Amino acid sequence: ADDIVFCFQYKAEAKWFFEELEQRLGKF
């Protein structure tokens, strides 16, 4: 449902994704 866990090997990619996620969700 709306409970989600994202897993990344690298910390930098996790931080990058977090910013991308906020922008992506904002579009919807």
mmCIF file of all heavy atoms, coordinates in Angstrom:
data_MODEL
# 
_entry.id   MODEL 
# 
loop_
_atom_site.group_PDB 
_atom_site.id 
_atom_site.type_symbol 
_atom_site.label_atom_id 
_atom_site.label_alt_id 
_atom_site.label_comp_id 
_atom_site.label_asym_id 
_atom_site.label_entity_id 
_atom_site.label_seq_id 
_atom_site.pdbx_PDB_ins_code 
_atom_site.Cartn_x 
_atom_site.Cartn_y 
_atom_site.Cartn_z 
_atom_site.occupancy 
_atom_site.B_iso_or_equiv 
_atom_site.pdbx_formal_charge 
_atom_site.auth_seq_id 
_atom_site.auth_comp_id 
_atom_site.auth_asym_id 
_atom_site.auth_atom_id 
_atom_site.pdbx_PDB_model_num 
ATOM 1   N N   . ALA A 1 1  ? 0.861  -1.188 0.000   1.00 0.00 ? 1  ALA A N   1 
ATOM 2   C CA  . ALA A 1 1  ? 0.000  0.000  0.000   1.00 0.00 ? 1  ALA A CA  1 
ATOM 3   C C   . ALA A 1 1  ? 0.896  1.237  0.000   1.00 0.00 ? 1  ALA A C   1 
ATOM 4   O O   . ALA A 1 1  ? 1.729  1.389  -0.882  1.00 0.00 ? 1  ALA A O   1 
ATOM 5   C CB  . ALA A 1 1  ? -0.970 -0.028 1.169   1.00 0.00 ? 1  ALA A CB  1 
ATOM 6   N N   . ASP A 1 2  ? 0.769  2.104  1.006   1.00 0.00 ? 2  ASP A N   1 
ATOM 7   C CA  . ASP A 1 2  ? 1.601  3.310  1.023   1.00 0.00 ? 2  ASP A CA  1 
ATOM 8   C C   . ASP A 1 2  ? 2.746  3.212  2.027   1.00 0.00 ? 2  ASP A C   1 
ATOM 9   O O   . ASP A 1 2  ? 3.401  4.219  2.323   1.00 0.00 ? 2  ASP A O   1 
ATOM 10  C CB  . ASP A 1 2  ? 0.750  4.550  1.314   1.00 0.00 ? 2  ASP A CB  1 
ATOM 11  C CG  . ASP A 1 2  ? 0.057  4.475  2.675   1.00 0.00 ? 2  ASP A CG  1 
ATOM 12  O OD1 . ASP A 1 2  ? 0.043  3.387  3.271   1.00 0.00 ? 2  ASP A OD1 1 
ATOM 13  O OD2 . ASP A 1 2  ? -0.464 5.504  3.124   1.00 0.00 ? 2  ASP A OD2 1 
ATOM 14  N N   . ASP A 1 3  ? 3.001  2.035  2.553   1.00 0.00 ? 3  ASP A N   1 
ATOM 15  C CA  . ASP A 1 3  ? 4.171  1.809  3.407   1.00 0.00 ? 3  ASP A CA  1 
ATOM 16  C C   . ASP A 1 3  ? 5.295  1.245  2.538   1.00 0.00 ? 3  ASP A C   1 
ATOM 17  O O   . ASP A 1 3  ? 5.130  0.195  1.915   1.00 0.00 ? 3  ASP A O   1 
ATOM 18  C CB  . ASP A 1 3  ? 3.857  0.831  4.544   1.00 0.00 ? 3  ASP A CB  1 
ATOM 19  C CG  . ASP A 1 3  ? 2.974  1.455  5.609   1.00 0.00 ? 3  ASP A CG  1 
ATOM 20  O OD1 . ASP A 1 3  ? 3.031  2.689  5.754   1.00 0.00 ? 3  ASP A OD1 1 
ATOM 21  O OD2 . ASP A 1 3  ? 2.247  0.724  6.294   1.00 0.00 ? 3  ASP A OD2 1 
ATOM 22  N N   . ILE A 1 4  ? 6.434  1.925  2.532   1.00 0.00 ? 4  ILE A N   1 
ATOM 23  C CA  . ILE A 1 4  ? 7.488  1.560  1.582   1.00 0.00 ? 4  ILE A CA  1 
ATOM 24  C C   . ILE A 1 4  ? 8.857  1.606  2.251   1.00 0.00 ? 4  ILE A C   1 
ATOM 25  O O   . ILE A 1 4  ? 9.131  2.475  3.075   1.00 0.00 ? 4  ILE A O   1 
ATOM 26  C CB  . ILE A 1 4  ? 7.508  2.526  0.373   1.00 0.00 ? 4  ILE A CB  1 
ATOM 27  C CG1 . ILE A 1 4  ? 6.098  2.791  -0.128  1.00 0.00 ? 4  ILE A CG1 1 
ATOM 28  C CG2 . ILE A 1 4  ? 8.381  1.989  -0.745  1.00 0.00 ? 4  ILE A CG2 1 
ATOM 29  C CD1 . ILE A 1 4  ? 6.011  3.935  -1.121  1.00 0.00 ? 4  ILE A CD1 1 
ATOM 30  N N   . VAL A 1 5  ? 9.705  0.650  1.879   1.00 0.00 ? 5  VAL A N   1 
ATOM 31  C CA  . VAL A 1 5  ? 11.111 0.666  2.269   1.00 0.00 ? 5  VAL A CA  1 
ATOM 32  C C   . VAL A 1 5  ? 11.941 0.655  0.996   1.00 0.00 ? 5  VAL A C   1 
ATOM 33  O O   . VAL A 1 5  ? 11.729 -0.182 0.112   1.00 0.00 ? 5  VAL A O   1 
ATOM 34  C CB  . VAL A 1 5  ? 11.472 -0.559 3.137   1.00 0.00 ? 5  VAL A CB  1 
ATOM 35  C CG1 . VAL A 1 5  ? 12.984 -0.597 3.390   1.00 0.00 ? 5  VAL A CG1 1 
ATOM 36  C CG2 . VAL A 1 5  ? 10.729 -0.516 4.462   1.00 0.00 ? 5  VAL A CG2 1 
ATOM 37  N N   . PHE A 1 6  ? 12.872 1.605  0.901   1.00 0.00 ? 6  PHE A N   1 
ATOM 38  C CA  . PHE A 1 6  ? 13.815 1.644  -0.220  1.00 0.00 ? 6  PHE A CA  1 
ATOM 39  C C   . PHE A 1 6  ? 15.194 1.264  0.308   1.00 0.00 ? 6  PHE A C   1 
ATOM 40  O O   . PHE A 1 6  ? 15.604 1.727  1.375   1.00 0.00 ? 6  PHE A O   1 
ATOM 41  C CB  . PHE A 1 6  ? 13.871 3.053  -0.834  1.00 0.00 ? 6  PHE A CB  1 
ATOM 42  C CG  . PHE A 1 6  ? 12.567 3.513  -1.422  1.00 0.00 ? 6  PHE A CG  1 
ATOM 43  C CD1 . PHE A 1 6  ? 11.728 4.360  -0.712  1.00 0.00 ? 6  PHE A CD1 1 
ATOM 44  C CD2 . PHE A 1 6  ? 12.177 3.107  -2.691  1.00 0.00 ? 6  PHE A CD2 1 
ATOM 45  C CE1 . PHE A 1 6  ? 10.532 4.792  -1.244  1.00 0.00 ? 6  PHE A CE1 1 
ATOM 46  C CE2 . PHE A 1 6  ? 10.981 3.528  -3.237  1.00 0.00 ? 6  PHE A CE2 1 
ATOM 47  C CZ  . PHE A 1 6  ? 10.149 4.383  -2.514  1.00 0.00 ? 6  PHE A CZ  1 
ATOM 48  N N   . CYS A 1 7  ? 15.889 0.427  -0.429  1.00 0.00 ? 7  CYS A N   1 
ATOM 49  C CA  . CYS A 1 7  ? 17.208 -0.057 -0.008  1.00 0.00 ? 7  CYS A CA  1 
ATOM 50  C C   . CYS A 1 7  ? 18.250 0.307  -1.056  1.00 0.00 ? 7  CYS A C   1 
ATOM 51  O O   . CYS A 1 7  ? 18.061 0.012  -2.245  1.00 0.00 ? 7  CYS A O   1 
ATOM 52  C CB  . CYS A 1 7  ? 17.188 -1.579 0.174   1.00 0.00 ? 7  CYS A CB  1 
ATOM 53  S SG  . CYS A 1 7  ? 15.815 -2.189 1.171   1.00 0.00 ? 7  CYS A SG  1 
ATOM 54  N N   . PHE A 1 8  ? 19.334 0.944  -0.613  1.00 0.00 ? 8  PHE A N   1 
ATOM 55  C CA  . PHE A 1 8  ? 20.413 1.333  -1.520  1.00 0.00 ? 8  PHE A CA  1 
ATOM 56  C C   . PHE A 1 8  ? 21.749 0.876  -0.959  1.00 0.00 ? 8  PHE A C   1 
ATOM 57  O O   . PHE A 1 8  ? 21.978 0.909  0.252   1.00 0.00 ? 8  PHE A O   1 
ATOM 58  C CB  . PHE A 1 8  ? 20.440 2.859  -1.710  1.00 0.00 ? 8  PHE A CB  1 
ATOM 59  C CG  . PHE A 1 8  ? 19.232 3.388  -2.437  1.00 0.00 ? 8  PHE A CG  1 
ATOM 60  C CD1 . PHE A 1 8  ? 18.100 3.771  -1.733  1.00 0.00 ? 8  PHE A CD1 1 
ATOM 61  C CD2 . PHE A 1 8  ? 19.218 3.475  -3.820  1.00 0.00 ? 8  PHE A CD2 1 
ATOM 62  C CE1 . PHE A 1 8  ? 16.982 4.239  -2.391  1.00 0.00 ? 8  PHE A CE1 1 
ATOM 63  C CE2 . PHE A 1 8  ? 18.100 3.946  -4.487  1.00 0.00 ? 8  PHE A CE2 1 
ATOM 64  C CZ  . PHE A 1 8  ? 16.979 4.331  -3.773  1.00 0.00 ? 8  PHE A CZ  1 
ATOM 65  N N   . GLN A 1 9  ? 22.617 0.480  -1.854  1.00 0.00 ? 9  GLN A N   1 
ATOM 66  C CA  . GLN A 1 9  ? 23.943 0.031  -1.441  1.00 0.00 ? 9  GLN A CA  1 
ATOM 67  C C   . GLN A 1 9  ? 24.803 1.202  -0.972  1.00 0.00 ? 9  GLN A C   1 
ATOM 68  O O   . GLN A 1 9  ? 25.586 1.070  -0.037  1.00 0.00 ? 9  GLN A O   1 
ATOM 69  C CB  . GLN A 1 9  ? 24.633 -0.689 -2.601  1.00 0.00 ? 9  GLN A CB  1 
ATOM 70  C CG  . GLN A 1 9  ? 25.975 -1.314 -2.241  1.00 0.00 ? 9  GLN A CG  1 
ATOM 71  C CD  . GLN A 1 9  ? 26.549 -2.140 -3.383  1.00 0.00 ? 9  GLN A CD  1 
ATOM 72  O OE1 . GLN A 1 9  ? 25.915 -2.309 -4.415  1.00 0.00 ? 9  GLN A OE1 1 
ATOM 73  N NE2 . GLN A 1 9  ? 27.751 -2.633 -3.199  1.00 0.00 ? 9  GLN A NE2 1 
ATOM 74  N N   . TYR A 1 10 ? 24.627 2.364  -1.622  1.00 0.00 ? 10 TYR A N   1 
ATOM 75  C CA  . TYR A 1 10 ? 25.478 3.511  -1.319  1.00 0.00 ? 10 TYR A CA  1 
ATOM 76  C C   . TYR A 1 10 ? 24.675 4.653  -0.689  1.00 0.00 ? 10 TYR A C   1 
ATOM 77  O O   . TYR A 1 10 ? 23.568 4.983  -1.145  1.00 0.00 ? 10 TYR A O   1 
ATOM 78  C CB  . TYR A 1 10 ? 26.166 4.017  -2.596  1.00 0.00 ? 10 TYR A CB  1 
ATOM 79  C CG  . TYR A 1 10 ? 27.046 2.982  -3.246  1.00 0.00 ? 10 TYR A CG  1 
ATOM 80  C CD1 . TYR A 1 10 ? 26.830 2.585  -4.566  1.00 0.00 ? 10 TYR A CD1 1 
ATOM 81  C CD2 . TYR A 1 10 ? 28.081 2.369  -2.535  1.00 0.00 ? 10 TYR A CD2 1 
ATOM 82  C CE1 . TYR A 1 10 ? 27.641 1.630  -5.169  1.00 0.00 ? 10 TYR A CE1 1 
ATOM 83  C CE2 . TYR A 1 10 ? 28.882 1.405  -3.129  1.00 0.00 ? 10 TYR A CE2 1 
ATOM 84  C CZ  . TYR A 1 10 ? 28.658 1.036  -4.439  1.00 0.00 ? 10 TYR A CZ  1 
ATOM 85  O OH  . TYR A 1 10 ? 29.456 0.084  -5.019  1.00 0.00 ? 10 TYR A OH  1 
ATOM 86  N N   . LYS A 1 11 ? 25.262 5.265  0.332   1.00 0.00 ? 11 LYS A N   1 
ATOM 87  C CA  . LYS A 1 11 ? 24.614 6.354  1.062   1.00 0.00 ? 11 LYS A CA  1 
ATOM 88  C C   . LYS A 1 11 ? 24.313 7.537  0.153   1.00 0.00 ? 11 LYS A C   1 
ATOM 89  O O   . LYS A 1 11 ? 23.233 8.144  0.226   1.00 0.00 ? 11 LYS A O   1 
ATOM 90  C CB  . LYS A 1 11 ? 25.518 6.799  2.217   1.00 0.00 ? 11 LYS A CB  1 
ATOM 91  C CG  . LYS A 1 11 ? 24.937 7.900  3.086   1.00 0.00 ? 11 LYS A CG  1 
ATOM 92  C CD  . LYS A 1 11 ? 25.893 8.229  4.225   1.00 0.00 ? 11 LYS A CD  1 
ATOM 93  C CE  . LYS A 1 11 ? 25.339 9.334  5.109   1.00 0.00 ? 11 LYS A CE  1 
ATOM 94  N NZ  . LYS A 1 11 ? 26.273 9.653  6.231   1.00 0.00 ? 11 LYS A NZ  1 
ATOM 95  N N   . ALA A 1 12 ? 25.255 7.884  -0.718  1.00 0.00 ? 12 ALA A N   1 
ATOM 96  C CA  . ALA A 1 12 ? 25.072 9.028  -1.616  1.00 0.00 ? 12 ALA A CA  1 
ATOM 97  C C   . ALA A 1 12 ? 23.861 8.828  -2.525  1.00 0.00 ? 12 ALA A C   1 
ATOM 98  O O   . ALA A 1 12 ? 23.104 9.771  -2.790  1.00 0.00 ? 12 ALA A O   1 
ATOM 99  C CB  . ALA A 1 12 ? 26.334 9.242  -2.447  1.00 0.00 ? 12 ALA A CB  1 
ATOM 100 N N   . GLU A 1 13 ? 23.655 7.602  -2.986  1.00 0.00 ? 13 GLU A N   1 
ATOM 101 C CA  . GLU A 1 13 ? 22.520 7.333  -3.863  1.00 0.00 ? 13 GLU A CA  1 
ATOM 102 C C   . GLU A 1 13 ? 21.206 7.363  -3.090  1.00 0.00 ? 13 GLU A C   1 
ATOM 103 O O   . GLU A 1 13 ? 20.165 7.748  -3.641  1.00 0.00 ? 13 GLU A O   1 
ATOM 104 C CB  . GLU A 1 13 ? 22.717 5.997  -4.572  1.00 0.00 ? 13 GLU A CB  1 
ATOM 105 C CG  . GLU A 1 13 ? 23.861 6.051  -5.580  1.00 0.00 ? 13 GLU A CG  1 
ATOM 106 C CD  . GLU A 1 13 ? 24.038 4.776  -6.383  1.00 0.00 ? 13 GLU A CD  1 
ATOM 107 O OE1 . GLU A 1 13 ? 23.465 3.733  -5.986  1.00 0.00 ? 13 GLU A OE1 1 
ATOM 108 O OE2 . GLU A 1 13 ? 24.754 4.817  -7.408  1.00 0.00 ? 13 GLU A OE2 1 
ATOM 109 N N   . ALA A 1 14 ? 21.236 6.987  -1.819  1.00 0.00 ? 14 ALA A N   1 
ATOM 110 C CA  . ALA A 1 14 ? 20.040 7.071  -0.976  1.00 0.00 ? 14 ALA A CA  1 
ATOM 111 C C   . ALA A 1 14 ? 19.628 8.531  -0.791  1.00 0.00 ? 14 ALA A C   1 
ATOM 112 O O   . ALA A 1 14 ? 18.438 8.880  -0.876  1.00 0.00 ? 14 ALA A O   1 
ATOM 113 C CB  . ALA A 1 14 ? 20.293 6.410  0.374   1.00 0.00 ? 14 ALA A CB  1 
ATOM 114 N N   . LYS A 1 15 ? 20.612 9.403  -0.533  1.00 0.00 ? 15 LYS A N   1 
ATOM 115 C CA  . LYS A 1 15 ? 20.313 10.825 -0.354  1.00 0.00 ? 15 LYS A CA  1 
ATOM 116 C C   . LYS A 1 15 ? 19.824 11.459 -1.654  1.00 0.00 ? 15 LYS A C   1 
ATOM 117 O O   . LYS A 1 15 ? 18.895 12.268 -1.655  1.00 0.00 ? 15 LYS A O   1 
ATOM 118 C CB  . LYS A 1 15 ? 21.554 11.550 0.155   1.00 0.00 ? 15 LYS A CB  1 
ATOM 119 C CG  . LYS A 1 15 ? 21.913 11.209 1.598   1.00 0.00 ? 15 LYS A CG  1 
ATOM 120 C CD  . LYS A 1 15 ? 23.070 12.054 2.094   1.00 0.00 ? 15 LYS A CD  1 
ATOM 121 C CE  . LYS A 1 15 ? 23.317 11.832 3.580   1.00 0.00 ? 15 LYS A CE  1 
ATOM 122 N NZ  . LYS A 1 15 ? 24.418 12.681 4.093   1.00 0.00 ? 15 LYS A NZ  1 
ATOM 123 N N   . TRP A 1 16 ? 20.455 11.100 -2.765  1.00 0.00 ? 16 TRP A N   1 
ATOM 124 C CA  . TRP A 1 16 ? 20.016 11.598 -4.072  1.00 0.00 ? 16 TRP A CA  1 
ATOM 125 C C   . TRP A 1 16 ? 18.582 11.172 -4.362  1.00 0.00 ? 16 TRP A C   1 
ATOM 126 O O   . TRP A 1 16 ? 17.749 11.975 -4.798  1.00 0.00 ? 16 TRP A O   1 
ATOM 127 C CB  . TRP A 1 16 ? 20.953 11.071 -5.168  1.00 0.00 ? 16 TRP A CB  1 
ATOM 128 C CG  . TRP A 1 16 ? 20.375 11.168 -6.546  1.00 0.00 ? 16 TRP A CG  1 
ATOM 129 C CD1 . TRP A 1 16 ? 20.245 12.286 -7.311  1.00 0.00 ? 16 TRP A CD1 1 
ATOM 130 C CD2 . TRP A 1 16 ? 19.795 10.088 -7.299  1.00 0.00 ? 16 TRP A CD2 1 
ATOM 131 N NE1 . TRP A 1 16 ? 19.632 11.973 -8.507  1.00 0.00 ? 16 TRP A NE1 1 
ATOM 132 C CE2 . TRP A 1 16 ? 19.354 10.638 -8.525  1.00 0.00 ? 16 TRP A CE2 1 
ATOM 133 C CE3 . TRP A 1 16 ? 19.633 8.722  -7.062  1.00 0.00 ? 16 TRP A CE3 1 
ATOM 134 C CZ2 . TRP A 1 16 ? 18.749 9.852  -9.507  1.00 0.00 ? 16 TRP A CZ2 1 
ATOM 135 C CZ3 . TRP A 1 16 ? 19.036 7.945  -8.037  1.00 0.00 ? 16 TRP A CZ3 1 
ATOM 136 C CH2 . TRP A 1 16 ? 18.595 8.510  -9.239  1.00 0.00 ? 16 TRP A CH2 1 
ATOM 137 N N   . PHE A 1 17 ? 18.286 9.901  -4.073  1.00 0.00 ? 17 PHE A N   1 
ATOM 138 C CA  . PHE A 1 17 ? 16.943 9.393  -4.338  1.00 0.00 ? 17 PHE A CA  1 
ATOM 139 C C   . PHE A 1 17 ? 15.902 10.097 -3.490  1.00 0.00 ? 17 PHE A C   1 
ATOM 140 O O   . PHE A 1 17 ? 14.788 10.361 -3.951  1.00 0.00 ? 17 PHE A O   1 
ATOM 141 C CB  . PHE A 1 17 ? 16.883 7.884  -4.072  1.00 0.00 ? 17 PHE A CB  1 
ATOM 142 C CG  . PHE A 1 17 ? 15.484 7.337  -4.101  1.00 0.00 ? 17 PHE A CG  1 
ATOM 143 C CD1 . PHE A 1 17 ? 14.798 7.202  -5.292  1.00 0.00 ? 17 PHE A CD1 1 
ATOM 144 C CD2 . PHE A 1 17 ? 14.832 6.995  -2.919  1.00 0.00 ? 17 PHE A CD2 1 
ATOM 145 C CE1 . PHE A 1 17 ? 13.498 6.720  -5.327  1.00 0.00 ? 17 PHE A CE1 1 
ATOM 146 C CE2 . PHE A 1 17 ? 13.540 6.512  -2.939  1.00 0.00 ? 17 PHE A CE2 1 
ATOM 147 C CZ  . PHE A 1 17 ? 12.873 6.371  -4.143  1.00 0.00 ? 17 PHE A CZ  1 
ATOM 148 N N   . PHE A 1 18 ? 16.235 10.402 -2.243  1.00 0.00 ? 18 PHE A N   1 
ATOM 149 C CA  . PHE A 1 18 ? 15.269 11.062 -1.356  1.00 0.00 ? 18 PHE A CA  1 
ATOM 150 C C   . PHE A 1 18 ? 14.796 12.385 -1.963  1.00 0.00 ? 18 PHE A C   1 
ATOM 151 O O   . PHE A 1 18 ? 13.600 12.708 -1.929  1.00 0.00 ? 18 PHE A O   1 
ATOM 152 C CB  . PHE A 1 18 ? 15.906 11.314 0.011   1.00 0.00 ? 18 PHE A CB  1 
ATOM 153 C CG  . PHE A 1 18 ? 14.943 11.838 1.040   1.00 0.00 ? 18 PHE A CG  1 
ATOM 154 C CD1 . PHE A 1 18 ? 14.071 10.989 1.694   1.00 0.00 ? 18 PHE A CD1 1 
ATOM 155 C CD2 . PHE A 1 18 ? 14.902 13.196 1.343   1.00 0.00 ? 18 PHE A CD2 1 
ATOM 156 C CE1 . PHE A 1 18 ? 13.175 11.473 2.637   1.00 0.00 ? 18 PHE A CE1 1 
ATOM 157 C CE2 . PHE A 1 18 ? 14.015 13.680 2.282   1.00 0.00 ? 18 PHE A CE2 1 
ATOM 158 C CZ  . PHE A 1 18 ? 13.146 12.826 2.933   1.00 0.00 ? 18 PHE A CZ  1 
ATOM 159 N N   . GLU A 1 19 ? 15.704 13.132 -2.528  1.00 0.00 ? 19 GLU A N   1 
ATOM 160 C CA  . GLU A 1 19 ? 15.338 14.394 -3.177  1.00 0.00 ? 19 GLU A CA  1 
ATOM 161 C C   . GLU A 1 19 ? 14.497 14.147 -4.427  1.00 0.00 ? 19 GLU A C   1 
ATOM 162 O O   . GLU A 1 19 ? 13.513 14.846 -4.684  1.00 0.00 ? 19 GLU A O   1 
ATOM 163 C CB  . GLU A 1 19 ? 16.604 15.179 -3.537  1.00 0.00 ? 19 GLU A CB  1 
ATOM 164 C CG  . GLU A 1 19 ? 17.408 15.630 -2.311  1.00 0.00 ? 19 GLU A CG  1 
ATOM 165 C CD  . GLU A 1 19 ? 18.687 16.333 -2.701  1.00 0.00 ? 19 GLU A CD  1 
ATOM 166 O OE1 . GLU A 1 19 ? 18.966 16.458 -3.923  1.00 0.00 ? 19 GLU A OE1 1 
ATOM 167 O OE2 . GLU A 1 19 ? 19.419 16.768 -1.785  1.00 0.00 ? 19 GLU A OE2 1 
ATOM 168 N N   . GLU A 1 20 ? 14.880 13.138 -5.193  1.00 0.00 ? 20 GLU A N   1 
ATOM 169 C CA  . GLU A 1 20 ? 14.119 12.794 -6.390  1.00 0.00 ? 20 GLU A CA  1 
ATOM 170 C C   . GLU A 1 20 ? 12.706 12.335 -6.034  1.00 0.00 ? 20 GLU A C   1 
ATOM 171 O O   . GLU A 1 20 ? 11.738 12.644 -6.736  1.00 0.00 ? 20 GLU A O   1 
ATOM 172 C CB  . GLU A 1 20 ? 14.834 11.687 -7.167  1.00 0.00 ? 20 GLU A CB  1 
ATOM 173 C CG  . GLU A 1 20 ? 16.166 12.094 -7.772  1.00 0.00 ? 20 GLU A CG  1 
ATOM 174 C CD  . GLU A 1 20 ? 16.004 13.066 -8.920  1.00 0.00 ? 20 GLU A CD  1 
ATOM 175 O OE1 . GLU A 1 20 ? 15.103 12.845 -9.760  1.00 0.00 ? 20 GLU A OE1 1 
ATOM 176 O OE2 . GLU A 1 20 ? 16.771 14.050 -8.969  1.00 0.00 ? 20 GLU A OE2 1 
ATOM 177 N N   . LEU A 1 21 ? 12.594 11.596 -4.942  1.00 0.00 ? 21 LEU A N   1 
ATOM 178 C CA  . LEU A 1 21 ? 11.295 11.066 -4.514  1.00 0.00 ? 21 LEU A CA  1 
ATOM 179 C C   . LEU A 1 21 ? 10.335 12.195 -4.160  1.00 0.00 ? 21 LEU A C   1 
ATOM 180 O O   . LEU A 1 21 ? 9.156  12.160 -4.538  1.00 0.00 ? 21 LEU A O   1 
ATOM 181 C CB  . LEU A 1 21 ? 11.481 10.133 -3.318  1.00 0.00 ? 21 LEU A CB  1 
ATOM 182 C CG  . LEU A 1 21 ? 10.212 9.522  -2.724  1.00 0.00 ? 21 LEU A CG  1 
ATOM 183 C CD1 . LEU A 1 21 ? 9.500  8.647  -3.748  1.00 0.00 ? 21 LEU A CD1 1 
ATOM 184 C CD2 . LEU A 1 21 ? 10.543 8.710  -1.465  1.00 0.00 ? 21 LEU A CD2 1 
ATOM 185 N N   . GLU A 1 22 ? 10.825 13.184 -3.428  1.00 0.00 ? 22 GLU A N   1 
ATOM 186 C CA  . GLU A 1 22 ? 9.954  14.307 -3.057  1.00 0.00 ? 22 GLU A CA  1 
ATOM 187 C C   . GLU A 1 22 ? 9.426  15.024 -4.293  1.00 0.00 ? 22 GLU A C   1 
ATOM 188 O O   . GLU A 1 22 ? 8.248  15.397 -4.354  1.00 0.00 ? 22 GLU A O   1 
ATOM 189 C CB  . GLU A 1 22 ? 10.718 15.286 -2.157  1.00 0.00 ? 22 GLU A CB  1 
ATOM 190 C CG  . GLU A 1 22 ? 10.962 14.760 -0.745  1.00 0.00 ? 22 GLU A CG  1 
ATOM 191 C CD  . GLU A 1 22 ? 11.561 15.803 0.164   1.00 0.00 ? 22 GLU A CD  1 
ATOM 192 O OE1 . GLU A 1 22 ? 12.640 16.336 -0.173  1.00 0.00 ? 22 GLU A OE1 1 
ATOM 193 O OE2 . GLU A 1 22 ? 10.939 16.098 1.214   1.00 0.00 ? 22 GLU A OE2 1 
ATOM 194 N N   . GLN A 1 23 ? 10.295 15.217 -5.268  1.00 0.00 ? 23 GLN A N   1 
ATOM 195 C CA  . GLN A 1 23 ? 9.872  15.887 -6.497  1.00 0.00 ? 23 GLN A CA  1 
ATOM 196 C C   . GLN A 1 23 ? 8.873  15.032 -7.283  1.00 0.00 ? 23 GLN A C   1 
ATOM 197 O O   . GLN A 1 23 ? 7.877  15.538 -7.810  1.00 0.00 ? 23 GLN A O   1 
ATOM 198 C CB  . GLN A 1 23 ? 11.092 16.194 -7.365  1.00 0.00 ? 23 GLN A CB  1 
ATOM 199 C CG  . GLN A 1 23 ? 12.039 17.218 -6.752  1.00 0.00 ? 23 GLN A CG  1 
ATOM 200 C CD  . GLN A 1 23 ? 13.252 17.467 -7.632  1.00 0.00 ? 23 GLN A CD  1 
ATOM 201 O OE1 . GLN A 1 23 ? 13.200 17.285 -8.859  1.00 0.00 ? 23 GLN A OE1 1 
ATOM 202 N NE2 . GLN A 1 23 ? 14.345 17.890 -7.031  1.00 0.00 ? 23 GLN A NE2 1 
ATOM 203 N N   . ARG A 1 24 ? 9.150  13.737 -7.345  1.00 0.00 ? 24 ARG A N   1 
ATOM 204 C CA  . ARG A 1 24 ? 8.273  12.823 -8.080  1.00 0.00 ? 24 ARG A CA  1 
ATOM 205 C C   . ARG A 1 24 ? 6.870  12.793 -7.461  1.00 0.00 ? 24 ARG A C   1 
ATOM 206 O O   . ARG A 1 24 ? 5.867  12.900 -8.171  1.00 0.00 ? 24 ARG A O   1 
ATOM 207 C CB  . ARG A 1 24 ? 8.864  11.412 -8.072  1.00 0.00 ? 24 ARG A CB  1 
ATOM 208 C CG  . ARG A 1 24 ? 7.979  10.343 -8.708  1.00 0.00 ? 24 ARG A CG  1 
ATOM 209 C CD  . ARG A 1 24 ? 7.845  10.527 -10.194 1.00 0.00 ? 24 ARG A CD  1 
ATOM 210 N NE  . ARG A 1 24 ? 7.063  9.443  -10.786 1.00 0.00 ? 24 ARG A NE  1 
ATOM 211 C CZ  . ARG A 1 24 ? 6.784  9.358  -12.079 1.00 0.00 ? 24 ARG A CZ  1 
ATOM 212 N NH1 . ARG A 1 24 ? 7.209  10.284 -12.919 1.00 0.00 ? 24 ARG A NH1 1 
ATOM 213 N NH2 . ARG A 1 24 ? 6.072  8.346  -12.549 1.00 0.00 ? 24 ARG A NH2 1 
ATOM 214 N N   . LEU A 1 25 ? 6.790  12.649 -6.158  1.00 0.00 ? 25 LEU A N   1 
ATOM 215 C CA  . LEU A 1 25 ? 5.492  12.590 -5.495  1.00 0.00 ? 25 LEU A CA  1 
ATOM 216 C C   . LEU A 1 25 ? 4.734  13.903 -5.634  1.00 0.00 ? 25 LEU A C   1 
ATOM 217 O O   . LEU A 1 25 ? 3.504  13.913 -5.754  1.00 0.00 ? 25 LEU A O   1 
ATOM 218 C CB  . LEU A 1 25 ? 5.674  12.238 -4.008  1.00 0.00 ? 25 LEU A CB  1 
ATOM 219 C CG  . LEU A 1 25 ? 6.201  10.834 -3.709  1.00 0.00 ? 25 LEU A CG  1 
ATOM 220 C CD1 . LEU A 1 25 ? 6.340  10.632 -2.208  1.00 0.00 ? 25 LEU A CD1 1 
ATOM 221 C CD2 . LEU A 1 25 ? 5.305  9.759  -4.307  1.00 0.00 ? 25 LEU A CD2 1 
ATOM 222 N N   . GLY A 1 26 ? 5.479  15.007 -5.623  1.00 0.00 ? 26 GLY A N   1 
ATOM 223 C CA  . GLY A 1 26 ? 4.840  16.304 -5.764  1.00 0.00 ? 26 GLY A CA  1 
ATOM 224 C C   . GLY A 1 26 ? 4.089  16.448 -7.073  1.00 0.00 ? 26 GLY A C   1 
ATOM 225 O O   . GLY A 1 26 ? 3.052  17.126 -7.144  1.00 0.00 ? 26 GLY A O   1 
ATOM 226 N N   . LYS A 1 27 ? 4.585  15.803 -8.127  1.00 0.00 ? 27 LYS A N   1 
ATOM 227 C CA  . LYS A 1 27 ? 3.925  15.854 -9.433  1.00 0.00 ? 27 LYS A CA  1 
ATOM 228 C C   . LYS A 1 27 ? 2.560  15.168 -9.403  1.00 0.00 ? 27 LYS A C   1 
ATOM 229 O O   . LYS A 1 27 ? 1.714  15.416 -10.260 1.00 0.00 ? 27 LYS A O   1 
ATOM 230 C CB  . LYS A 1 27 ? 4.799  15.202 -10.500 1.00 0.00 ? 27 LYS A CB  1 
ATOM 231 C CG  . LYS A 1 27 ? 6.096  15.970 -10.787 1.00 0.00 ? 27 LYS A CG  1 
ATOM 232 C CD  . LYS A 1 27 ? 6.923  15.234 -11.831 1.00 0.00 ? 27 LYS A CD  1 
ATOM 233 C CE  . LYS A 1 27 ? 8.208  15.993 -12.128 1.00 0.00 ? 27 LYS A CE  1 
ATOM 234 N NZ  . LYS A 1 27 ? 9.061  15.288 -13.132 1.00 0.00 ? 27 LYS A NZ  1 
ATOM 235 N N   . PHE A 1 28 ? 2.354  14.280 -8.434  1.00 0.00 ? 28 PHE A N   1 
ATOM 236 C CA  . PHE A 1 28 ? 1.095  13.531 -8.335  1.00 0.00 ? 28 PHE A CA  1 
ATOM 237 C C   . PHE A 1 28 ? 0.271  13.960 -7.120  1.00 0.00 ? 28 PHE A C   1 
ATOM 238 O O   . PHE A 1 28 ? -0.586 13.229 -6.643  1.00 0.00 ? 28 PHE A O   1 
ATOM 239 C CB  . PHE A 1 28 ? 1.393  12.029 -8.253  1.00 0.00 ? 28 PHE A CB  1 
ATOM 240 C CG  . PHE A 1 28 ? 1.975  11.460 -9.509  1.00 0.00 ? 28 PHE A CG  1 
ATOM 241 C CD1 . PHE A 1 28 ? 3.342  11.542 -9.762  1.00 0.00 ? 28 PHE A CD1 1 
ATOM 242 C CD2 . PHE A 1 28 ? 1.165  10.868 -10.465 1.00 0.00 ? 28 PHE A CD2 1 
ATOM 243 C CE1 . PHE A 1 28 ? 3.887  11.025 -10.924 1.00 0.00 ? 28 PHE A CE1 1 
ATOM 244 C CE2 . PHE A 1 28 ? 1.702  10.348 -11.631 1.00 0.00 ? 28 PHE A CE2 1 
ATOM 245 C CZ  . PHE A 1 28 ? 3.065  10.429 -11.871 1.00 0.00 ? 28 PHE A CZ  1 
# 
